[in-house]
Amino acid sequence: MSMAKVLAGDIGGTTTRLGVFESSTPRPRLVAMRTYGTSEFAGIAEMTTAFLLDVADIADIDPKARAIDAACFGAAGPVLNGVATLTNTPIHVDAAAIASAVGLARVWLINDLEALAYAVPVLSKDEVHVLQEGRANPAGAIAIIAAGTGLGEAVLYNINGRPVAKASEGGRADFAARTDRDIIVLRELTRKNGRASIEDVVSGIGLVNIHQAIHTGGCDAKIDFASPDAPAAVSTSALAGRCKACVEAMDVFVEAYGAEAGNLALRTVATGGVYIGGGIAPKILPVLTSGRFLSAFRAKAPFSPMLDAMPVNVILNAGAGLLGAANFCFLT
């Protein structure tokens, strides 16, 4: 389908990015973008209307004249019949409501990890950090995992030379403890919540959960664990080596992240590679490259050799989900 301009959105539990893109080679060209708090407007339709009015001059569009050909939004939650409820925020996203508000005939709503997956084929080398070179099979499946406010997972298939992404809610599957420290975390989360999901461990709040489970004596960094900034505070303290408890919590987090990335790679036979997205990974690159992540990723006997051969990359482009949503429009 030939399109001139499309609207793309990356709707997260905390922030939402909206952008206008033009058709371009080798990937869609960003014309204008804004970032909002996801709860800043009454709904995503209202946010989209405000965005288009705000960038009308920059993007050379008339919001009242159907200057946008189509739109795609990636939402952090399961999408059913064009409607999504965000997993970690009580916000509903309705494709039909957005289409009506903006005056578009074509609005697609997909899972945010699906959107991220559609960015992978058009990412440049400087937008990824290689954790493991591996040997990619160009026709193989690509696994995408992303920890941030929550934990998302998806797979990108190559179907007759065309990328096709499939979402999952694997982040809400059960957490599989591997070590004695993991078992302590599992027991504490089960005591508090009745069960422990992977997202309860591998996410921003997961880092806090780990710290509180394995260190009941407090924290040298004097972190307020009731604060929404607690995950960032634990991460900052760990990276600076200011608190032994924070460092240990980060070690458990990184190993759990690597293990779950390996689980996803096994489930999808990701011979095309594994991509680590989300807001956390780029911020903790020093500990991701320490060896703990890849050691846990590879520890999947008897299939360790298969995982040794898989490329593993960290996505550095914070706007990759937005780019992927735009790319979906031009591919569809």
C-alpha atoms as a PDB file:
ATOM      1  CA  MET A   1       0.000   0.000   0.000  1.00  0.00           C
ATOM      2  CA  SER A   2       1.435   3.362  -1.026  1.00  0.00           C
ATOM      3  CA  MET A   3       1.427   5.916   1.785  1.00  0.00           C
ATOM      4  CA  ALA A   4       2.899   9.386   2.170  1.00  0.00           C
ATOM      5  CA  LYS A   5       2.702   9.970   5.929  1.00  0.00           C
ATOM      6  CA  VAL A   6       1.706   7.726   8.808  1.00  0.00           C
ATOM      7  CA  LEU A   7       1.083   8.237  12.498  1.00  0.00           C
ATOM      8  CA  ALA A   8       2.863   5.916  14.932  1.00  0.00           C
ATOM      9  CA  GLY A   9       2.512   5.463  18.675  1.00  0.00           C
ATOM     10  CA  ASP A  10       4.382   3.583  21.376  1.00  0.00           C
ATOM     11  CA  ILE A  11       2.059   3.440  24.397  1.00  0.00           C
ATOM     12  CA  GLY A  12       3.852   2.345  27.541  1.00  0.00           C
ATOM     13  CA  GLY A  13       2.825   1.955  31.144  1.00  0.00           C
ATOM     14  CA  THR A  14       4.586   5.208  32.077  1.00  0.00           C
ATOM     15  CA  THR A  15       5.255   7.213  28.902  1.00  0.00           C
ATOM     16  CA  THR A  16       3.839   7.356  25.394  1.00  0.00           C
ATOM     17  CA  ARG A  17       5.655   8.458  22.253  1.00  0.00           C
ATOM     18  CA  LEU A  18       3.775   9.678  19.193  1.00  0.00           C
ATOM     19  CA  GLY A  19       5.369  10.404  15.846  1.00  0.00           C
ATOM     20  CA  VAL A  20       4.681  11.251  12.220  1.00  0.00           C
ATOM     21  CA  PHE A  21       6.780   9.359   9.666  1.00  0.00           C
ATOM     22  CA  GLU A  22       7.281   9.629   5.912  1.00  0.00           C
ATOM     23  CA  SER A  23       7.943   6.780   3.530  1.00  0.00           C
ATOM     24  CA  SER A  24      11.677   6.449   2.964  1.00  0.00           C
ATOM     25  CA  THR A  25      14.386   3.885   2.183  1.00  0.00           C
ATOM     26  CA  PRO A  26      15.801   1.920   3.958  1.00  0.00           C
ATOM     27  CA  ARG A  27      13.391   2.830   6.764  1.00  0.00           C
ATOM     28  CA  PRO A  28      10.605   5.304   7.573  1.00  0.00           C
ATOM     29  CA  ARG A  29      11.836   8.851   8.204  1.00  0.00           C
ATOM     30  CA  LEU A  30      10.748  10.555  11.417  1.00  0.00           C
ATOM     31  CA  VAL A  31       9.204  13.965  10.748  1.00  0.00           C
ATOM     32  CA  ALA A  32       7.958  14.962  14.215  1.00  0.00           C
ATOM     33  CA  MET A  33       7.738  13.330  17.643  1.00  0.00           C
ATOM     34  CA  ARG A  34       6.476  14.112  21.122  1.00  0.00           C
ATOM     35  CA  THR A  35       6.659  12.226  24.429  1.00  0.00           C
ATOM     36  CA  TYR A  36       3.815  12.379  26.955  1.00  0.00           C
ATOM     37  CA  GLY A  37       2.942  10.854  30.286  1.00  0.00           C
ATOM     38  CA  THR A  38       0.574   8.012  29.466  1.00  0.00           C
ATOM     39  CA  SER A  39      -1.951   9.278  32.031  1.00  0.00           C
ATOM     40  CA  GLU A  40      -1.520  12.928  31.009  1.00  0.00           C
ATOM     41  CA  PHE A  41      -4.684  12.982  28.861  1.00  0.00           C
ATOM     42  CA  ALA A  42      -8.175  11.547  29.336  1.00  0.00           C
ATOM     43  CA  GLY A  43      -7.324   8.935  26.722  1.00  0.00           C
ATOM     44  CA  ILE A  44      -5.033   8.115  23.819  1.00  0.00           C
ATOM     45  CA  ALA A  45      -7.529   9.555  21.321  1.00  0.00           C
ATOM     46  CA  GLU A  46      -7.340  12.926  23.093  1.00  0.00           C
ATOM     47  CA  MET A  47      -3.562  12.699  23.262  1.00  0.00           C
ATOM     48  CA  THR A  48      -3.361  11.937  19.538  1.00  0.00           C
ATOM     49  CA  THR A  49      -5.599  14.879  18.649  1.00  0.00           C
ATOM     50  CA  ALA A  50      -3.451  17.236  20.733  1.00  0.00           C
ATOM     51  CA  PHE A  51      -0.267  15.840  19.202  1.00  0.00           C
ATOM     52  CA  LEU A  52      -1.393  16.366  15.615  1.00  0.00           C
ATOM     53  CA  LEU A  53      -2.395  19.950  16.376  1.00  0.00           C
ATOM     54  CA  ASP A  54       0.952  20.550  18.076  1.00  0.00           C
ATOM     55  CA  VAL A  55       3.097  19.252  15.197  1.00  0.00           C
ATOM     56  CA  ALA A  56       0.916  20.328  12.261  1.00  0.00           C
ATOM     57  CA  ASP A  57       3.374  22.957  11.052  1.00  0.00           C
ATOM     58  CA  ILE A  58       6.503  20.860  11.640  1.00  0.00           C
ATOM     59  CA  ALA A  59       5.053  17.789   9.938  1.00  0.00           C
ATOM     60  CA  ASP A  60       3.399  19.843   7.172  1.00  0.00           C
ATOM     61  CA  ILE A  61      -0.009  18.340   7.824  1.00  0.00           C
ATOM     62  CA  ASP A  62      -3.525  19.669   8.223  1.00  0.00           C
ATOM     63  CA  PRO A  63      -5.122  17.782  11.128  1.00  0.00           C
ATOM     64  CA  LYS A  64      -8.580  18.413   9.655  1.00  0.00           C
ATOM     65  CA  ALA A  65      -7.802  17.265   6.118  1.00  0.00           C
ATOM     66  CA  ARG A  66      -6.869  13.561   6.550  1.00  0.00           C
ATOM     67  CA  ALA A  67      -3.242  14.354   5.834  1.00  0.00           C
ATOM     68  CA  ILE A  68      -2.240  11.101   7.589  1.00  0.00           C
ATOM     69  CA  ASP A  69      -2.787   7.952   5.532  1.00  0.00           C
ATOM     70  CA  ALA A  70      -2.822   5.404   8.363  1.00  0.00           C
ATOM     71  CA  ALA A  71      -1.745   4.860  11.945  1.00  0.00           C
ATOM     72  CA  CYS A  72      -0.316   2.087  14.075  1.00  0.00           C
ATOM     73  CA  PHE A  73      -0.053   2.059  17.849  1.00  0.00           C
ATOM     74  CA  GLY A  74       1.926  -0.395  19.930  1.00  0.00           C
ATOM     75  CA  ALA A  75       0.336  -0.863  23.369  1.00  0.00           C
ATOM     76  CA  ALA A  76       1.853  -2.450  26.473  1.00  0.00           C
ATOM     77  CA  GLY A  77      -0.790  -5.121  26.931  1.00  0.00           C
ATOM     78  CA  PRO A  78      -2.746  -7.824  25.106  1.00  0.00           C
ATOM     79  CA  VAL A  79      -4.712  -6.589  22.088  1.00  0.00           C
ATOM     80  CA  LEU A  80      -8.106  -8.193  21.500  1.00  0.00           C
ATOM     81  CA  ASN A  81     -10.487  -7.043  18.752  1.00  0.00           C
ATOM     82  CA  GLY A  82      -8.722  -3.723  18.349  1.00  0.00           C
ATOM     83  CA  VAL A  83      -8.788  -2.899  22.070  1.00  0.00           C
ATOM     84  CA  ALA A  84      -5.998  -3.061  24.624  1.00  0.00           C
ATOM     85  CA  THR A  85      -5.895  -2.579  28.375  1.00  0.00           C
ATOM     86  CA  LEU A  86      -2.406  -1.637  29.473  1.00  0.00           C
ATOM     87  CA  THR A  87      -0.920  -4.293  31.710  1.00  0.00           C
ATOM     88  CA  ASN A  88       0.494  -1.943  34.339  1.00  0.00           C
ATOM     89  CA  THR A  89      -1.816   1.071  33.946  1.00  0.00           C
ATOM     90  CA  PRO A  90      -5.668   1.060  34.007  1.00  0.00           C
ATOM     91  CA  ILE A  91      -5.920   2.675  30.575  1.00  0.00           C
ATOM     92  CA  HIS A  92      -7.921   1.333  27.627  1.00  0.00           C
ATOM     93  CA  VAL A  93      -6.735   1.911  24.075  1.00  0.00           C
ATOM     94  CA  ASP A  94      -9.398   1.569  21.374  1.00  0.00           C
ATOM     95  CA  ALA A  95      -8.338   1.654  17.712  1.00  0.00           C
ATOM     96  CA  ALA A  96     -11.861   2.566  16.531  1.00  0.00           C
ATOM     97  CA  ALA A  97     -12.066   5.492  18.980  1.00  0.00           C
ATOM     98  CA  ILE A  98      -8.722   6.826  17.789  1.00  0.00           C
ATOM     99  CA  ALA A  99      -9.756   6.440  14.145  1.00  0.00           C
ATOM    100  CA  SER A 100     -12.940   8.394  14.809  1.00  0.00           C
ATOM    101  CA  ALA A 101     -11.179  11.133  16.781  1.00  0.00           C
ATOM    102  CA  VAL A 102      -8.419  11.672  14.218  1.00  0.00           C
ATOM    103  CA  GLY A 103     -10.470  10.960  11.103  1.00  0.00           C
ATOM    104  CA  LEU A 104      -8.541   7.959   9.828  1.00  0.00           C
ATOM    105  CA  ALA A 105      -9.886   4.992   7.911  1.00  0.00           C
ATOM    106  CA  ARG A 106      -7.002   2.687   8.896  1.00  0.00           C
ATOM    107  CA  VAL A 107      -5.766   2.416  12.474  1.00  0.00           C
ATOM    108  CA  TRP A 108      -3.933  -0.681  13.646  1.00  0.00           C
ATOM    109  CA  LEU A 109      -3.406  -1.522  17.302  1.00  0.00           C
ATOM    110  CA  ILE A 110      -0.706  -4.078  18.069  1.00  0.00           C
ATOM    111  CA  ASN A 111       1.207  -5.168  21.149  1.00  0.00           C
ATOM    112  CA  ASP A 112       4.189  -2.942  21.979  1.00  0.00           C
ATOM    113  CA  LEU A 113       6.632  -5.843  21.611  1.00  0.00           C
ATOM    114  CA  GLU A 114       5.210  -6.586  18.163  1.00  0.00           C
ATOM    115  CA  ALA A 115       5.919  -2.963  17.283  1.00  0.00           C
ATOM    116  CA  LEU A 116       9.446  -3.264  18.668  1.00  0.00           C
ATOM    117  CA  ALA A 117       9.956  -6.416  16.620  1.00  0.00           C
ATOM    118  CA  TYR A 118       9.094  -4.593  13.390  1.00  0.00           C
ATOM    119  CA  ALA A 119      11.920  -2.146  14.112  1.00  0.00           C
ATOM    120  CA  VAL A 120      14.572  -4.875  14.267  1.00  0.00           C
ATOM    121  CA  PRO A 121      15.013  -5.339  10.482  1.00  0.00           C
ATOM    122  CA  VAL A 122      15.669  -1.600   9.990  1.00  0.00           C
ATOM    123  CA  LEU A 123      17.905  -0.830  12.973  1.00  0.00           C
ATOM    124  CA  SER A 124      21.359   0.486  12.099  1.00  0.00           C
ATOM    125  CA  LYS A 125      24.562  -0.929  13.584  1.00  0.00           C
ATOM    126  CA  ASP A 126      25.032   2.049  15.893  1.00  0.00           C
ATOM    127  CA  GLU A 127      21.574   1.474  17.366  1.00  0.00           C
ATOM    128  CA  VAL A 128      22.499  -1.885  18.893  1.00  0.00           C
ATOM    129  CA  HIS A 129      25.189  -3.107  21.266  1.00  0.00           C
ATOM    130  CA  VAL A 130      26.455  -6.614  20.551  1.00  0.00           C
ATOM    131  CA  LEU A 131      26.593  -8.889  23.597  1.00  0.00           C
ATOM    132  CA  GLN A 132      27.261 -12.043  21.569  1.00  0.00           C
ATOM    133  CA  GLU A 133      28.277 -12.016  17.902  1.00  0.00           C
ATOM    134  CA  GLY A 134      26.918 -15.454  17.053  1.00  0.00           C
ATOM    135  CA  ARG A 135      26.015 -16.585  13.558  1.00  0.00           C
ATOM    136  CA  ALA A 136      22.591 -15.389  12.474  1.00  0.00           C
ATOM    137  CA  ASN A 137      20.424 -17.489  10.190  1.00  0.00           C
ATOM    138  CA  PRO A 138      18.758 -14.888   7.922  1.00  0.00           C
ATOM    139  CA  ALA A 139      15.655 -17.081   7.649  1.00  0.00           C
ATOM    140  CA  GLY A 140      15.532 -17.863  11.383  1.00  0.00           C
ATOM    141  CA  ALA A 141      13.158 -16.559  14.011  1.00  0.00           C
ATOM    142  CA  ILE A 142      14.214 -13.527  16.075  1.00  0.00           C
ATOM    143  CA  ALA A 143      13.303 -13.310  19.770  1.00  0.00           C
ATOM    144  CA  ILE A 144      12.625  -9.934  21.377  1.00  0.00           C
ATOM    145  CA  ILE A 145      12.501  -9.409  25.145  1.00  0.00           C
ATOM    146  CA  ALA A 146      12.186  -6.048  26.879  1.00  0.00           C
ATOM    147  CA  ALA A 147      12.191  -5.145  30.568  1.00  0.00           C
ATOM    148  CA  GLY A 148      10.991  -1.740  31.711  1.00  0.00           C
ATOM    149  CA  THR A 149       7.838  -0.908  33.654  1.00  0.00           C
ATOM    150  CA  GLY A 150       6.891  -4.525  32.872  1.00  0.00           C
ATOM    151  CA  LEU A 151       8.371  -7.375  30.847  1.00  0.00           C
ATOM    152  CA  GLY A 152       7.393  -7.977  27.233  1.00  0.00           C
ATOM    153  CA  GLU A 153       8.252 -10.809  24.873  1.00  0.00           C
ATOM    154  CA  ALA A 154       7.651 -11.389  21.164  1.00  0.00           C
ATOM    155  CA  VAL A 155       9.027 -13.262  18.179  1.00  0.00           C
ATOM    156  CA  LEU A 156       9.671 -12.063  14.630  1.00  0.00           C
ATOM    157  CA  TYR A 157       9.334 -14.689  11.918  1.00  0.00           C
ATOM    158  CA  ASN A 158      10.559 -14.568   8.345  1.00  0.00           C
ATOM    159  CA  ILE A 159       7.578 -15.690   6.243  1.00  0.00           C
ATOM    160  CA  ASN A 160       8.546 -15.894   2.570  1.00  0.00           C
ATOM    161  CA  GLY A 161      10.972 -13.010   3.016  1.00  0.00           C
ATOM    162  CA  ARG A 162       8.461 -10.867   4.910  1.00  0.00           C
ATOM    163  CA  PRO A 163       8.789 -10.041   8.626  1.00  0.00           C
ATOM    164  CA  VAL A 164       5.773 -11.150  10.681  1.00  0.00           C
ATOM    165  CA  ALA A 165       5.740 -10.467  14.428  1.00  0.00           C
ATOM    166  CA  LYS A 166       3.749 -12.366  17.028  1.00  0.00           C
ATOM    167  CA  ALA A 167       3.182 -11.082  20.529  1.00  0.00           C
ATOM    168  CA  SER A 168       2.951 -12.975  23.791  1.00  0.00           C
ATOM    169  CA  GLU A 169       2.226 -12.293  27.428  1.00  0.00           C
ATOM    170  CA  GLY A 170       5.178 -14.435  28.458  1.00  0.00           C
ATOM    171  CA  GLY A 171       6.230 -11.854  31.019  1.00  0.00           C
ATOM    172  CA  ARG A 172       3.304 -12.963  33.179  1.00  0.00           C
ATOM    173  CA  ALA A 173       4.336 -16.624  33.062  1.00  0.00           C
ATOM    174  CA  ASP A 174       5.726 -18.256  36.204  1.00  0.00           C
ATOM    175  CA  PHE A 175       9.195 -17.294  37.416  1.00  0.00           C
ATOM    176  CA  ALA A 176      11.589 -20.258  37.284  1.00  0.00           C
ATOM    177  CA  ALA A 177      14.070 -20.107  40.168  1.00  0.00           C
ATOM    178  CA  ARG A 178      17.567 -21.365  39.294  1.00  0.00           C
ATOM    179  CA  THR A 179      19.730 -20.548  42.322  1.00  0.00           C
ATOM    180  CA  ASP A 180      19.442 -20.409  46.106  1.00  0.00           C
ATOM    181  CA  ARG A 181      19.006 -16.639  45.912  1.00  0.00           C
ATOM    182  CA  ASP A 182      16.289 -17.073  43.290  1.00  0.00           C
ATOM    183  CA  ILE A 183      14.482 -19.465  45.644  1.00  0.00           C
ATOM    184  CA  ILE A 184      14.496 -16.817  48.389  1.00  0.00           C
ATOM    185  CA  VAL A 185      12.947 -14.327  45.935  1.00  0.00           C
ATOM    186  CA  LEU A 186      10.407 -16.912  44.773  1.00  0.00           C
ATOM    187  CA  ARG A 187       9.342 -17.723  48.324  1.00  0.00           C
ATOM    188  CA  GLU A 188       8.930 -14.069  49.272  1.00  0.00           C
ATOM    189  CA  LEU A 189       6.923 -13.181  46.158  1.00  0.00           C
ATOM    190  CA  THR A 190       4.733 -16.246  46.587  1.00  0.00           C
ATOM    191  CA  ARG A 191       4.114 -15.285  50.211  1.00  0.00           C
ATOM    192  CA  LYS A 192       3.116 -11.742  49.205  1.00  0.00           C
ATOM    193  CA  ASN A 193       1.291 -12.341  45.923  1.00  0.00           C
ATOM    194  CA  GLY A 194       0.287 -16.005  45.858  1.00  0.00           C
ATOM    195  CA  ARG A 195       2.580 -16.617  42.884  1.00  0.00           C
ATOM    196  CA  ALA A 196       5.668 -15.147  41.250  1.00  0.00           C
ATOM    197  CA  SER A 197       5.648 -14.120  37.613  1.00  0.00           C
ATOM    198  CA  ILE A 198       8.776 -13.439  35.592  1.00  0.00           C
ATOM    199  CA  GLU A 199       7.731  -9.789  35.423  1.00  0.00           C
ATOM    200  CA  ASP A 200       7.762  -9.652  39.236  1.00  0.00           C
ATOM    201  CA  VAL A 201      11.528 -10.238  38.995  1.00  0.00           C
ATOM    202  CA  VAL A 202      12.639  -8.940  35.595  1.00  0.00           C
ATOM    203  CA  SER A 203      11.290  -5.371  35.489  1.00  0.00           C
ATOM    204  CA  GLY A 204      11.808  -2.103  37.311  1.00  0.00           C
ATOM    205  CA  ILE A 205       9.701  -3.158  40.277  1.00  0.00           C
ATOM    206  CA  GLY A 206      11.331  -6.578  40.003  1.00  0.00           C
ATOM    207  CA  LEU A 207      14.684  -5.087  40.957  1.00  0.00           C
ATOM    208  CA  VAL A 208      13.053  -3.655  44.081  1.00  0.00           C
ATOM    209  CA  ASN A 209      11.343  -6.985  44.821  1.00  0.00           C
ATOM    210  CA  ILE A 210      14.691  -8.785  44.627  1.00  0.00           C
ATOM    211  CA  HIS A 211      16.394  -6.295  46.932  1.00  0.00           C
ATOM    212  CA  GLN A 212      13.659  -6.494  49.555  1.00  0.00           C
ATOM    213  CA  ALA A 213      13.520 -10.307  49.410  1.00  0.00           C
ATOM    214  CA  ILE A 214      17.214 -11.015  49.885  1.00  0.00           C
ATOM    215  CA  HIS A 215      18.137  -8.080  52.138  1.00  0.00           C
ATOM    216  CA  THR A 216      15.735  -7.623  55.012  1.00  0.00           C
ATOM    217  CA  GLY A 217      18.328  -5.649  56.995  1.00  0.00           C
ATOM    218  CA  GLY A 218      18.045  -2.486  54.926  1.00  0.00           C
ATOM    219  CA  CYS A 219      20.161  -0.655  52.411  1.00  0.00           C
ATOM    220  CA  ASP A 220      23.358   1.372  52.789  1.00  0.00           C
ATOM    221  CA  ALA A 221      22.108   3.692  50.037  1.00  0.00           C
ATOM    222  CA  LYS A 222      19.082   4.614  52.215  1.00  0.00           C
ATOM    223  CA  ILE A 223      16.621   4.029  49.387  1.00  0.00           C
ATOM    224  CA  ASP A 224      12.942   4.761  49.922  1.00  0.00           C
ATOM    225  CA  PHE A 225      11.418   1.583  48.522  1.00  0.00           C
ATOM    226  CA  ALA A 226       7.931   3.080  48.557  1.00  0.00           C
ATOM    227  CA  SER A 227       9.014   5.712  46.030  1.00  0.00           C
ATOM    228  CA  PRO A 228       8.306   5.234  42.307  1.00  0.00           C
ATOM    229  CA  ASP A 229      11.969   6.164  41.787  1.00  0.00           C
ATOM    230  CA  ALA A 230      13.181   3.195  43.853  1.00  0.00           C
ATOM    231  CA  PRO A 231      14.120   0.978  40.848  1.00  0.00           C
ATOM    232  CA  ALA A 232      16.317   3.728  39.371  1.00  0.00           C
ATOM    233  CA  ALA A 233      17.852   4.380  42.797  1.00  0.00           C
ATOM    234  CA  VAL A 234      18.771   0.703  43.269  1.00  0.00           C
ATOM    235  CA  SER A 235      20.237   0.596  39.762  1.00  0.00           C
ATOM    236  CA  THR A 236      22.275   3.775  40.264  1.00  0.00           C
ATOM    237  CA  SER A 237      23.565   2.552  43.620  1.00  0.00           C
ATOM    238  CA  ALA A 238      24.502  -0.842  42.184  1.00  0.00           C
ATOM    239  CA  LEU A 239      26.328   0.604  39.177  1.00  0.00           C
ATOM    240  CA  ALA A 240      28.295   2.943  41.450  1.00  0.00           C
ATOM    241  CA  GLY A 241      29.053   0.130  43.908  1.00  0.00           C
ATOM    242  CA  ARG A 242      27.715   2.211  46.800  1.00  0.00           C
ATOM    243  CA  CYS A 243      25.750  -0.567  48.477  1.00  0.00           C
ATOM    244  CA  LYS A 244      26.534  -4.281  48.659  1.00  0.00           C
ATOM    245  CA  ALA A 245      22.837  -5.125  48.880  1.00  0.00           C
ATOM    246  CA  CYS A 246      22.077  -3.140  45.706  1.00  0.00           C
ATOM    247  CA  VAL A 247      24.964  -4.813  43.867  1.00  0.00           C
ATOM    248  CA  GLU A 248      23.709  -8.261  44.861  1.00  0.00           C
ATOM    249  CA  ALA A 249      20.146  -7.394  43.840  1.00  0.00           C
ATOM    250  CA  MET A 250      21.430  -6.251  40.447  1.00  0.00           C
ATOM    251  CA  ASP A 251      23.390  -9.494  40.046  1.00  0.00           C
ATOM    252  CA  VAL A 252      20.248 -11.548  40.682  1.00  0.00           C
ATOM    253  CA  PHE A 253      18.277  -9.328  38.288  1.00  0.00           C
ATOM    254  CA  VAL A 254      20.813  -9.632  35.457  1.00  0.00           C
ATOM    255  CA  GLU A 255      21.055 -13.410  35.814  1.00  0.00           C
ATOM    256  CA  ALA A 256      17.261 -13.768  35.851  1.00  0.00           C
ATOM    257  CA  TYR A 257      17.047 -11.526  32.760  1.00  0.00           C
ATOM    258  CA  GLY A 258      19.631 -13.617  30.927  1.00  0.00           C
ATOM    259  CA  ALA A 259      17.962 -16.875  31.933  1.00  0.00           C
ATOM    260  CA  GLU A 260      14.554 -15.705  30.699  1.00  0.00           C
ATOM    261  CA  ALA A 261      16.080 -14.422  27.440  1.00  0.00           C
ATOM    262  CA  GLY A 262      17.540 -17.905  27.015  1.00  0.00           C
ATOM    263  CA  ASN A 263      14.161 -19.494  27.763  1.00  0.00           C
ATOM    264  CA  LEU A 264      12.534 -17.351  25.073  1.00  0.00           C
ATOM    265  CA  ALA A 265      15.334 -18.197  22.642  1.00  0.00           C
ATOM    266  CA  LEU A 266      14.737 -21.900  23.264  1.00  0.00           C
ATOM    267  CA  ARG A 267      10.957 -21.663  22.926  1.00  0.00           C
ATOM    268  CA  THR A 268      11.212 -19.824  19.614  1.00  0.00           C
ATOM    269  CA  VAL A 269      14.435 -21.475  18.319  1.00  0.00           C
ATOM    270  CA  ALA A 270      15.749 -17.962  17.694  1.00  0.00           C
ATOM    271  CA  THR A 271      18.500 -18.760  15.214  1.00  0.00           C
ATOM    272  CA  GLY A 272      17.978 -15.303  13.716  1.00  0.00           C
ATOM    273  CA  GLY A 273      19.112 -13.720  16.959  1.00  0.00           C
ATOM    274  CA  VAL A 274      17.897 -12.303  20.258  1.00  0.00           C
ATOM    275  CA  TYR A 275      17.253  -8.587  20.847  1.00  0.00           C
ATOM    276  CA  ILE A 276      17.078  -7.027  24.293  1.00  0.00           C
ATOM    277  CA  GLY A 277      14.847  -3.943  24.294  1.00  0.00           C
ATOM    278  CA  GLY A 278      13.133  -1.817  26.911  1.00  0.00           C
ATOM    279  CA  GLY A 279      14.297   1.102  28.988  1.00  0.00           C
ATOM    280  CA  ILE A 280      16.448  -0.791  31.478  1.00  0.00           C
ATOM    281  CA  ALA A 281      19.018  -2.588  29.314  1.00  0.00           C
ATOM    282  CA  PRO A 282      20.807   0.464  27.829  1.00  0.00           C
ATOM    283  CA  LYS A 283      21.129   1.970  31.313  1.00  0.00           C
ATOM    284  CA  ILE A 284      22.829  -1.100  32.796  1.00  0.00           C
ATOM    285  CA  LEU A 285      25.156  -2.058  29.925  1.00  0.00           C
ATOM    286  CA  PRO A 286      28.203  -2.334  32.230  1.00  0.00           C
ATOM    287  CA  VAL A 287      26.571  -5.154  34.192  1.00  0.00           C
ATOM    288  CA  LEU A 288      24.975  -6.765  31.132  1.00  0.00           C
ATOM    289  CA  THR A 289      28.450  -7.095  29.630  1.00  0.00           C
ATOM    290  CA  SER A 290      30.003  -8.494  32.843  1.00  0.00           C
ATOM    291  CA  GLY A 291      29.305 -12.081  31.797  1.00  0.00           C
ATOM    292  CA  ARG A 292      26.449 -12.902  34.178  1.00  0.00           C
ATOM    293  CA  PHE A 293      23.730 -12.264  31.582  1.00  0.00           C
ATOM    294  CA  LEU A 294      25.275 -14.448  28.878  1.00  0.00           C
ATOM    295  CA  SER A 295      26.271 -17.179  31.325  1.00  0.00           C
ATOM    296  CA  ALA A 296      22.632 -17.546  32.429  1.00  0.00           C
ATOM    297  CA  PHE A 297      21.457 -17.194  28.814  1.00  0.00           C
ATOM    298  CA  ARG A 298      23.660 -20.068  27.635  1.00  0.00           C
ATOM    299  CA  ALA A 299      23.110 -22.437  30.582  1.00  0.00           C
ATOM    300  CA  LYS A 300      20.510 -24.546  28.773  1.00  0.00           C
ATOM    301  CA  ALA A 301      22.106 -27.981  28.454  1.00  0.00           C
ATOM    302  CA  PRO A 302      21.881 -29.933  26.228  1.00  0.00           C
ATOM    303  CA  PHE A 303      21.173 -26.955  23.926  1.00  0.00           C
ATOM    304  CA  SER A 304      23.940 -24.655  25.140  1.00  0.00           C
ATOM    305  CA  PRO A 305      25.801 -24.921  21.786  1.00  0.00           C
ATOM    306  CA  MET A 306      22.684 -23.700  19.963  1.00  0.00           C
ATOM    307  CA  LEU A 307      22.423 -20.678  22.268  1.00  0.00           C
ATOM    308  CA  ASP A 308      26.172 -20.038  21.937  1.00  0.00           C
ATOM    309  CA  ALA A 309      25.580 -19.555  18.201  1.00  0.00           C
ATOM    310  CA  MET A 310      22.695 -17.086  18.545  1.00  0.00           C
ATOM    311  CA  PRO A 311      23.507 -13.379  18.130  1.00  0.00           C
ATOM    312  CA  VAL A 312      22.468 -11.376  21.187  1.00  0.00           C
ATOM    313  CA  ASN A 313      22.048  -7.598  20.878  1.00  0.00           C
ATOM    314  CA  VAL A 314      20.866  -4.761  23.106  1.00  0.00           C
ATOM    315  CA  ILE A 315      18.664  -2.177  21.369  1.00  0.00           C
ATOM    316  CA  LEU A 316      20.017   1.291  22.183  1.00  0.00           C
ATOM    317  CA  ASN A 317      17.454   3.342  20.256  1.00  0.00           C
ATOM    318  CA  ALA A 318      14.846   4.469  22.806  1.00  0.00           C
ATOM    319  CA  GLY A 319      12.442   5.213  19.939  1.00  0.00           C
ATOM    320  CA  ALA A 320      12.649   1.749  18.386  1.00  0.00           C
ATOM    321  CA  GLY A 321       9.067   0.854  19.314  1.00  0.00           C
ATOM    322  CA  LEU A 322       7.802   3.989  17.594  1.00  0.00           C
ATOM    323  CA  LEU A 323       9.920   3.239  14.523  1.00  0.00           C
ATOM    324  CA  GLY A 324       8.565  -0.317  14.440  1.00  0.00           C
ATOM    325  CA  ALA A 325       4.960   0.867  14.583  1.00  0.00           C
ATOM    326  CA  ALA A 326       5.642   3.147  11.621  1.00  0.00           C
ATOM    327  CA  ASN A 327       7.420   0.367   9.743  1.00  0.00           C
ATOM    328  CA  PHE A 328       4.382  -1.880  10.305  1.00  0.00           C
ATOM    329  CA  CYS A 329       2.204   0.696   8.542  1.00  0.00           C
ATOM    330  CA  PHE A 330       4.440   0.758   5.483  1.00  0.00           C
ATOM    331  CA  LEU A 331       4.744  -3.054   5.409  1.00  0.00           C
ATOM    332  CA  THR A 332       0.975  -3.634   5.679  1.00  0.00           C
END
